[in-house]
Amino acid sequence: MRNVTNHSIHLSQDKYLTYIFKRFGMMDCKFVDTHLPIGQKFTKEMGPKDIHEVDLMKTIPYSEAVSCLMYVMTSVQILFFQ
């Protein structure tokens, strides 16, 4: 949103984020800081423990959800450099 009086531009991704949260069933999620330590290593032991957990994970489009959220993180920055 452009504010000519204040000589400012306000960028918001609220509508897109709401769409993404609804699409991936995250409307009731609780927001918290989840910063990973630099150099965080993931191991096989951190993954699903049994066949039921594996089957559950196959039904959730994790990579698609992460891609959508990464778009939000990078799109505003890209707008400033165009």
Protein backbone atom coordinates (compact mmCIF):
# COMPACT_ATOMS: atom_id res chain seq x y z
CA MET A 1 0.00 0.00 0.00
CA ARG A 2 1.42 3.34 -1.02
CA ASN A 3 1.09 6.34 1.30
CA VAL A 4 1.94 9.46 -0.70
CA THR A 5 1.57 11.78 2.30
CA ASN A 6 4.14 9.88 4.38
CA HIS A 7 6.29 8.98 1.34
CA SER A 8 6.13 5.32 2.30
CA ILE A 9 5.15 1.93 0.95
CA HIS A 10 3.68 -0.80 3.14
CA LEU A 11 3.94 -4.37 1.87
CA SER A 12 1.75 -7.07 3.39
CA GLN A 13 1.39 -10.76 2.69
CA ASP A 14 -1.57 -11.28 5.06
CA LYS A 15 -4.01 -12.47 2.40
CA TYR A 16 -1.50 -14.90 0.87
CA LEU A 17 -0.44 -16.23 4.29
CA THR A 18 -4.07 -16.76 5.30
CA TYR A 19 -4.60 -18.71 2.06
CA ILE A 20 -1.51 -20.85 2.74
CA PHE A 21 -2.52 -21.54 6.35
CA LYS A 22 -6.01 -22.61 5.25
CA ARG A 23 -4.65 -24.72 2.39
CA PHE A 24 -2.32 -26.70 4.64
CA GLY A 25 -4.66 -26.87 7.66
CA MET A 26 -2.57 -24.51 9.77
CA MET A 27 -5.21 -21.93 10.78
CA ASP A 28 -5.12 -23.08 14.41
CA CYS A 29 -1.33 -23.26 14.66
CA LYS A 30 0.46 -21.33 17.38
CA PHE A 31 3.29 -19.07 16.28
CA VAL A 32 6.58 -19.36 18.11
CA ASP A 33 10.20 -18.57 17.35
CA THR A 34 11.85 -21.73 16.10
CA HIS A 35 15.26 -20.52 15.08
CA LEU A 36 17.64 -23.39 14.52
CA PRO A 37 21.19 -23.11 15.77
CA ILE A 38 23.77 -22.44 13.05
CA GLY A 39 25.08 -25.74 11.75
CA GLN A 40 22.09 -27.76 13.00
CA LYS A 41 22.45 -31.35 11.80
CA PHE A 42 19.48 -33.60 11.19
CA THR A 43 19.79 -37.33 11.69
CA LYS A 44 17.79 -40.37 10.68
CA GLU A 45 16.90 -40.89 14.35
CA MET A 46 14.95 -37.61 14.27
CA GLY A 47 12.65 -39.00 11.58
CA PRO A 48 9.54 -41.17 11.86
CA LYS A 49 9.86 -44.05 14.32
CA ASP A 50 7.41 -46.56 12.85
CA ILE A 51 5.41 -47.35 9.71
CA HIS A 52 2.39 -45.37 11.00
CA GLU A 53 4.48 -42.20 11.31
CA VAL A 54 5.93 -42.80 7.83
CA ASP A 55 2.44 -43.21 6.35
CA LEU A 56 1.24 -40.06 8.11
CA MET A 57 4.17 -38.02 6.78
CA LYS A 58 3.41 -39.17 3.24
CA THR A 59 0.00 -37.50 3.46
CA ILE A 60 1.41 -34.09 4.38
CA PRO A 61 2.91 -31.99 1.54
CA TYR A 62 5.81 -30.61 3.61
CA SER A 63 7.97 -29.47 0.71
CA GLU A 64 5.06 -27.65 -0.92
CA ALA A 65 4.15 -25.87 2.33
CA VAL A 66 7.77 -24.86 2.96
CA SER A 67 8.10 -23.61 -0.62
CA CYS A 68 5.02 -21.41 -0.21
CA LEU A 69 6.31 -19.96 3.05
CA MET A 70 9.78 -19.37 1.58
CA TYR A 71 8.14 -17.43 -1.24
CA VAL A 72 6.70 -15.06 1.36
CA MET A 73 10.09 -14.65 3.02
CA THR A 74 11.90 -13.84 -0.22
CA SER A 75 9.29 -12.02 -2.32
CA VAL A 76 9.24 -8.82 -0.27
CA GLN A 77 13.02 -8.58 -0.37
CA ILE A 78 13.01 -9.12 -4.15
CA LEU A 79 10.52 -6.28 -4.62
CA PHE A 80 13.00 -3.81 -3.14
CA PHE A 81 15.80 -4.82 -5.50
CA GLN A 82 13.90 -4.71 -8.79
